[in-house]
PDB file of N, CA and C in Angstrom:
ATOM      1  N   MET A   1       9.264  26.205  36.876  1.00  0.00           N
ATOM      2  CA  MET A   1      10.201  25.908  35.828  1.00  0.00           C
ATOM      3  C   MET A   1       9.466  25.210  34.685  1.00  0.00           C
ATOM      4  N   GLY A   2       9.900  25.478  33.467  1.00  0.00           N
ATOM      5  CA  GLY A   2       9.303  24.865  32.288  1.00  0.00           C
ATOM      6  C   GLY A   2       9.816  23.449  32.070  1.00  0.00           C
ATOM      7  N   HIS A   3       9.571  22.932  30.880  1.00  0.00           N
ATOM      8  CA  HIS A   3      10.026  21.585  30.559  1.00  0.00           C
ATOM      9  C   HIS A   3      10.421  21.498  29.081  1.00  0.00           C
ATOM     10  N   ILE A   4      11.122  20.445  28.740  1.00  0.00           N
ATOM     11  CA  ILE A   4      11.568  20.202  27.375  1.00  0.00           C
ATOM     12  C   ILE A   4      10.565  19.283  26.678  1.00  0.00           C
ATOM     13  N   VAL A   5      10.152  19.693  25.486  1.00  0.00           N
ATOM     14  CA  VAL A   5       9.233  18.905  24.669  1.00  0.00           C
ATOM     15  C   VAL A   5      10.039  18.306  23.522  1.00  0.00           C
ATOM     16  N   LEU A   6       9.880  17.013  23.292  1.00  0.00           N
ATOM     17  CA  LEU A   6      10.589  16.327  22.218  1.00  0.00           C
ATOM     18  C   LEU A   6       9.722  16.317  20.962  1.00  0.00           C
ATOM     19  N   ARG A   7      10.312  16.726  19.850  1.00  0.00           N
ATOM     20  CA  ARG A   7       9.597  16.829  18.578  1.00  0.00           C
ATOM     21  C   ARG A   7      10.159  15.883  17.524  1.00  0.00           C
ATOM     22  N   LEU A   8      10.746  14.780  17.965  1.00  0.00           N
ATOM     23  CA  LEU A   8      11.333  13.832  17.026  1.00  0.00           C
ATOM     24  C   LEU A   8      10.296  13.306  16.052  1.00  0.00           C
ATOM     25  N   ASP A   9       9.087  13.048  16.525  1.00  0.00           N
ATOM     26  CA  ASP A   9       8.040  12.527  15.651  1.00  0.00           C
ATOM     27  C   ASP A   9       7.748  13.486  14.497  1.00  0.00           C
ATOM     28  N   ARG A  10       7.732  14.774  14.780  1.00  0.00           N
ATOM     29  CA  ARG A  10       7.451  15.782  13.754  1.00  0.00           C
ATOM     30  C   ARG A  10       8.570  15.821  12.706  1.00  0.00           C
ATOM     31  N   VAL A  11       9.817  15.793  13.178  1.00  0.00           N
ATOM     32  CA  VAL A  11      10.959  15.836  12.254  1.00  0.00           C
ATOM     33  C   VAL A  11      10.996  14.565  11.402  1.00  0.00           C
ATOM     34  N   MET A  12      10.727  13.425  12.018  1.00  0.00           N
ATOM     35  CA  MET A  12      10.686  12.170  11.264  1.00  0.00           C
ATOM     36  C   MET A  12       9.598  12.208  10.199  1.00  0.00           C
ATOM     37  N   ALA A  13       8.441  12.736  10.530  1.00  0.00           N
ATOM     38  CA  ALA A  13       7.343  12.832   9.566  1.00  0.00           C
ATOM     39  C   ALA A  13       7.722  13.763   8.417  1.00  0.00           C
ATOM     40  N   ASP A  14       8.366  14.875   8.735  1.00  0.00           N
ATOM     41  CA  ASP A  14       8.803  15.809   7.696  1.00  0.00           C
ATOM     42  C   ASP A  14       9.783  15.149   6.740  1.00  0.00           C
ATOM     43  N   ARG A  15      10.630  14.253   7.265  1.00  0.00           N
ATOM     44  CA  ARG A  15      11.642  13.575   6.447  1.00  0.00           C
ATOM     45  C   ARG A  15      11.121  12.256   5.862  1.00  0.00           C
ATOM     46  N   LYS A  16       9.868  11.917   6.212  1.00  0.00           N
ATOM     47  CA  LYS A  16       9.248  10.657   5.759  1.00  0.00           C
ATOM     48  C   LYS A  16      10.124   9.455   6.100  1.00  0.00           C
ATOM     49  N   MET A  17      10.574   9.431   7.362  1.00  0.00           N
ATOM     50  CA  MET A  17      11.442   8.351   7.821  1.00  0.00           C
ATOM     51  C   MET A  17      10.740   7.574   8.932  1.00  0.00           C
ATOM     52  N   SER A  18      10.765   6.269   8.815  1.00  0.00           N
ATOM     53  CA  SER A  18      10.143   5.415   9.826  1.00  0.00           C
ATOM     54  C   SER A  18      11.083   5.238  11.012  1.00  0.00           C
ATOM     55  N   LEU A  19      10.514   4.783  12.105  1.00  0.00           N
ATOM     56  CA  LEU A  19      11.301   4.511  13.305  1.00  0.00           C
ATOM     57  C   LEU A  19      12.331   3.416  13.041  1.00  0.00           C
ATOM     58  N   ASN A  20      11.933   2.383  12.288  1.00  0.00           N
ATOM     59  CA  ASN A  20      12.859   1.292  11.968  1.00  0.00           C
ATOM     60  C   ASN A  20      14.034   1.789  11.142  1.00  0.00           C
ATOM     61  N   GLU A  21      13.754   2.633  10.151  1.00  0.00           N
ATOM     62  CA  GLU A  21      14.814   3.160   9.297  1.00  0.00           C
ATOM     63  C   GLU A  21      15.769   4.042  10.100  1.00  0.00           C
ATOM     64  N   LEU A  22      15.207   4.900  10.943  1.00  0.00           N
ATOM     65  CA  LEU A  22      16.040   5.769  11.774  1.00  0.00           C
ATOM     66  C   LEU A  22      16.892   4.941  12.730  1.00  0.00           C
ATOM     67  N   SER A  23      16.301   3.919  13.311  1.00  0.00           N
ATOM     68  CA  SER A  23      17.015   3.042  14.235  1.00  0.00           C
ATOM     69  C   SER A  23      18.218   2.397  13.559  1.00  0.00           C
ATOM     70  N   GLU A  24      18.031   1.904  12.353  1.00  0.00           N
ATOM     71  CA  GLU A  24      19.124   1.271  11.616  1.00  0.00           C
ATOM     72  C   GLU A  24      20.236   2.261  11.302  1.00  0.00           C
ATOM     73  N   LYS A  25      19.864   3.457  10.865  1.00  0.00           N
ATOM     74  CA  LYS A  25      20.854   4.449  10.443  1.00  0.00           C
ATOM     75  C   LYS A  25      21.593   5.077  11.623  1.00  0.00           C
ATOM     76  N   VAL A  26      20.905   5.230  12.760  1.00  0.00           N
ATOM     77  CA  VAL A  26      21.515   5.846  13.938  1.00  0.00           C
ATOM     78  C   VAL A  26      22.300   4.820  14.748  1.00  0.00           C
ATOM     79  N   GLY A  27      21.851   3.564  14.719  1.00  0.00           N
ATOM     80  CA  GLY A  27      22.502   2.532  15.505  1.00  0.00           C
ATOM     81  C   GLY A  27      22.019   2.503  16.942  1.00  0.00           C
ATOM     82  N   VAL A  28      20.776   2.905  17.143  1.00  0.00           N
ATOM     83  CA  VAL A  28      20.153   2.904  18.468  1.00  0.00           C
ATOM     84  C   VAL A  28      18.945   1.981  18.398  1.00  0.00           C
ATOM     85  N   ALA A  29      18.733   1.218  19.447  1.00  0.00           N
ATOM     86  CA  ALA A  29      17.625   0.259  19.476  1.00  0.00           C
ATOM     87  C   ALA A  29      16.286   0.951  19.216  1.00  0.00           C
ATOM     88  N   ASN A  30      15.455   0.260  18.498  1.00  0.00           N
ATOM     89  CA  ASN A  30      14.121   0.743  18.159  1.00  0.00           C
ATOM     90  C   ASN A  30      13.343   1.190  19.395  1.00  0.00           C
ATOM     91  N   VAL A  31      13.422   0.402  20.454  1.00  0.00           N
ATOM     92  CA  VAL A  31      12.676   0.708  21.677  1.00  0.00           C
ATOM     93  C   VAL A  31      13.165   2.007  22.302  1.00  0.00           C
ATOM     94  N   ASN A  32      14.465   2.267  22.241  1.00  0.00           N
ATOM     95  CA  ASN A  32      15.002   3.498  22.813  1.00  0.00           C
ATOM     96  C   ASN A  32      14.601   4.720  21.989  1.00  0.00           C
ATOM     97  N   LEU A  33      14.624   4.591  20.668  1.00  0.00           N
ATOM     98  CA  LEU A  33      14.165   5.696  19.820  1.00  0.00           C
ATOM     99  C   LEU A  33      12.679   5.944  20.015  1.00  0.00           C
ATOM    100  N   SER A  34      11.923   4.892  20.240  1.00  0.00           N
ATOM    101  CA  SER A  34      10.492   5.037  20.491  1.00  0.00           C
ATOM    102  C   SER A  34      10.250   5.843  21.758  1.00  0.00           C
ATOM    103  N   LYS A  35      11.050   5.590  22.784  1.00  0.00           N
ATOM    104  CA  LYS A  35      10.920   6.353  24.032  1.00  0.00           C
ATOM    105  C   LYS A  35      11.245   7.823  23.809  1.00  0.00           C
ATOM    106  N   ILE A  36      12.274   8.091  23.003  1.00  0.00           N
ATOM    107  CA  ILE A  36      12.616   9.476  22.686  1.00  0.00           C
ATOM    108  C   ILE A  36      11.472  10.120  21.907  1.00  0.00           C
ATOM    109  N   LYS A  37      10.993   9.419  20.908  1.00  0.00           N
ATOM    110  CA  LYS A  37       9.917   9.926  20.050  1.00  0.00           C
ATOM    111  C   LYS A  37       8.670  10.263  20.855  1.00  0.00           C
ATOM    112  N   ASN A  38       8.365   9.441  21.836  1.00  0.00           N
ATOM    113  CA  ASN A  38       7.141   9.632  22.626  1.00  0.00           C
ATOM    114  C   ASN A  38       7.352  10.468  23.888  1.00  0.00           C
ATOM    115  N   GLY A  39       8.576  10.945  24.092  1.00  0.00           N
ATOM    116  CA  GLY A  39       8.844  11.815  25.229  1.00  0.00           C
ATOM    117  C   GLY A  39       8.934  11.101  26.561  1.00  0.00           C
ATOM    118  N   HIS A  40       9.218   9.808  26.547  1.00  0.00           N
ATOM    119  CA  HIS A  40       9.296   9.033  27.784  1.00  0.00           C
ATOM    120  C   HIS A  40      10.733   8.860  28.260  1.00  0.00           C
ATOM    121  N   ILE A  41      11.514   9.930  28.178  1.00  0.00           N
ATOM    122  CA  ILE A  41      12.898   9.902  28.650  1.00  0.00           C
ATOM    123  C   ILE A  41      13.143  11.114  29.531  1.00  0.00           C
ATOM    124  N   SER A  42      14.172  11.033  30.359  1.00  0.00           N
ATOM    125  CA  SER A  42      14.539  12.185  31.179  1.00  0.00           C
ATOM    126  C   SER A  42      15.915  12.710  30.809  1.00  0.00           C
ATOM    127  N   ALA A  43      16.624  11.984  29.927  1.00  0.00           N
ATOM    128  CA  ALA A  43      17.950  12.406  29.483  1.00  0.00           C
ATOM    129  C   ALA A  43      18.241  11.777  28.123  1.00  0.00           C
ATOM    130  N   ILE A  44      19.171  12.407  27.398  1.00  0.00           N
ATOM    131  CA  ILE A  44      19.627  11.854  26.119  1.00  0.00           C
ATOM    132  C   ILE A  44      21.115  12.154  25.990  1.00  0.00           C
ATOM    133  N   ARG A  45      21.868  11.180  25.529  1.00  0.00           N
ATOM    134  CA  ARG A  45      23.306  11.378  25.321  1.00  0.00           C
ATOM    135  C   ARG A  45      23.511  12.314  24.136  1.00  0.00           C
ATOM    136  N   PHE A  46      24.507  13.180  24.257  1.00  0.00           N
ATOM    137  CA  PHE A  46      24.822  14.082  23.155  1.00  0.00           C
ATOM    138  C   PHE A  46      25.202  13.296  21.903  1.00  0.00           C
ATOM    139  N   SER A  47      25.877  12.166  22.071  1.00  0.00           N
ATOM    140  CA  SER A  47      26.273  11.360  20.915  1.00  0.00           C
ATOM    141  C   SER A  47      25.040  10.813  20.187  1.00  0.00           C
ATOM    142  N   THR A  48      24.012  10.437  20.939  1.00  0.00           N
ATOM    143  CA  THR A  48      22.770   9.965  20.329  1.00  0.00           C
ATOM    144  C   THR A  48      22.063  11.104  19.621  1.00  0.00           C
ATOM    145  N   LEU A  49      21.988  12.252  20.272  1.00  0.00           N
ATOM    146  CA  LEU A  49      21.361  13.423  19.668  1.00  0.00           C
ATOM    147  C   LEU A  49      22.099  13.834  18.392  1.00  0.00           C
ATOM    148  N   ALA A  50      23.423  13.809  18.430  1.00  0.00           N
ATOM    149  CA  ALA A  50      24.220  14.159  17.257  1.00  0.00           C
ATOM    150  C   ALA A  50      23.971  13.183  16.113  1.00  0.00           C
ATOM    151  N   ALA A  51      23.888  11.897  16.416  1.00  0.00           N
ATOM    152  CA  ALA A  51      23.640  10.887  15.389  1.00  0.00           C
ATOM    153  C   ALA A  51      22.253  11.066  14.763  1.00  0.00           C
ATOM    154  N   ILE A  52      21.258  11.356  15.591  1.00  0.00           N
ATOM    155  CA  ILE A  52      19.906  11.584  15.091  1.00  0.00           C
ATOM    156  C   ILE A  52      19.895  12.813  14.172  1.00  0.00           C
ATOM    157  N   CYS A  53      20.546  13.880  14.607  1.00  0.00           N
ATOM    158  CA  CYS A  53      20.599  15.106  13.806  1.00  0.00           C
ATOM    159  C   CYS A  53      21.332  14.870  12.491  1.00  0.00           C
ATOM    160  N   ASP A  54      22.382  14.064  12.534  1.00  0.00           N
ATOM    161  CA  ASP A  54      23.134  13.754  11.327  1.00  0.00           C
ATOM    162  C   ASP A  54      22.259  13.023  10.312  1.00  0.00           C
ATOM    163  N   VAL A  55      21.555  12.000  10.764  1.00  0.00           N
ATOM    164  CA  VAL A  55      20.717  11.197   9.871  1.00  0.00           C
ATOM    165  C   VAL A  55      19.533  12.011   9.350  1.00  0.00           C
ATOM    166  N   LEU A  56      18.904  12.798  10.227  1.00  0.00           N
ATOM    167  CA  LEU A  56      17.726  13.569   9.830  1.00  0.00           C
ATOM    168  C   LEU A  56      18.084  14.923   9.211  1.00  0.00           C
ATOM    169  N   GLN A  57      19.373  15.238   9.184  1.00  0.00           N
ATOM    170  CA  GLN A  57      19.854  16.512   8.648  1.00  0.00           C
ATOM    171  C   GLN A  57      19.086  17.686   9.264  1.00  0.00           C
ATOM    172  N   CYS A  58      19.175  17.752  10.598  1.00  0.00           N
ATOM    173  CA  CYS A  58      18.481  18.797  11.333  1.00  0.00           C
ATOM    174  C   CYS A  58      19.367  19.302  12.455  1.00  0.00           C
ATOM    175  N   GLN A  59      18.891  20.272  13.183  1.00  0.00           N
ATOM    176  CA  GLN A  59      19.581  20.833  14.336  1.00  0.00           C
ATOM    177  C   GLN A  59      18.911  20.311  15.610  1.00  0.00           C
ATOM    178  N   PRO A  60      19.637  20.271  16.736  1.00  0.00           N
ATOM    179  CA  PRO A  60      19.019  19.830  17.985  1.00  0.00           C
ATOM    180  C   PRO A  60      17.756  20.619  18.325  1.00  0.00           C
ATOM    181  N   GLY A  61      17.734  21.894  17.986  1.00  0.00           N
ATOM    182  CA  GLY A  61      16.567  22.727  18.256  1.00  0.00           C
ATOM    183  C   GLY A  61      15.338  22.331  17.460  1.00  0.00           C
ATOM    184  N   ASP A  62      15.527  21.547  16.394  1.00  0.00           N
ATOM    185  CA  ASP A  62      14.386  21.036  15.639  1.00  0.00           C
ATOM    186  C   ASP A  62      13.705  19.891  16.385  1.00  0.00           C
ATOM    187  N   ILE A  63      14.471  19.227  17.257  1.00  0.00           N
ATOM    188  CA  ILE A  63      13.978  18.061  17.989  1.00  0.00           C
ATOM    189  C   ILE A  63      13.581  18.420  19.420  1.00  0.00           C
ATOM    190  N   LEU A  64      14.324  19.351  20.032  1.00  0.00           N
ATOM    191  CA  LEU A  64      14.089  19.742  21.418  1.00  0.00           C
ATOM    192  C   LEU A  64      13.489  21.143  21.463  1.00  0.00           C
ATOM    193  N   GLU A  65      12.451  21.308  22.251  1.00  0.00           N
ATOM    194  CA  GLU A  65      11.796  22.595  22.374  1.00  0.00           C
ATOM    195  C   GLU A  65      11.542  22.885  23.854  1.00  0.00           C
ATOM    196  N   TYR A  66      11.848  24.104  24.289  1.00  0.00           N
ATOM    197  CA  TYR A  66      11.602  24.489  25.672  1.00  0.00           C
ATOM    198  C   TYR A  66      10.208  25.084  25.781  1.00  0.00           C
ATOM    199  N   SER A  67       9.439  24.588  26.742  1.00  0.00           N
ATOM    200  CA  SER A  67       8.098  25.101  27.001  1.00  0.00           C
ATOM    201  C   SER A  67       8.068  25.687  28.411  1.00  0.00           C
ATOM    202  N   PRO A  68       7.909  27.000  28.521  1.00  0.00           N
ATOM    203  CA  PRO A  68       7.882  27.607  29.860  1.00  0.00           C
ATOM    204  C   PRO A  68       6.663  27.149  30.667  1.00  0.00           C
ATOM    205  N   GLU A  69       6.820  27.205  31.962  1.00  0.00           N
ATOM    206  CA  GLU A  69       5.702  26.841  32.845  1.00  0.00           C
ATOM    207  C   GLU A  69       4.549  27.795  32.615  1.00  0.00           C
ATOM    208  N   GLU A  70       3.358  27.248  32.594  1.00  0.00           N
ATOM    209  CA  GLU A  70       2.167  28.082  32.366  1.00  0.00           C
ATOM    210  C   GLU A  70       1.498  28.464  33.657  1.00  0.00           C
TER     211      GLU A  70
END
């Protein structure tokens, strides 16, 4: 089975948004967004994903990517 790769760092860089700024606008703790950004999570709430997409003006598929097993 493959795995999900998180691309939040790439989307944030494209939008020139810092982790602190995103944290303030989304209303999620900096440490939790950092874990998402670095891929150190095993789950994410849809409400959090929706808030991130709203602030970054992107789609979930811009942040989440499926990588098949090699």
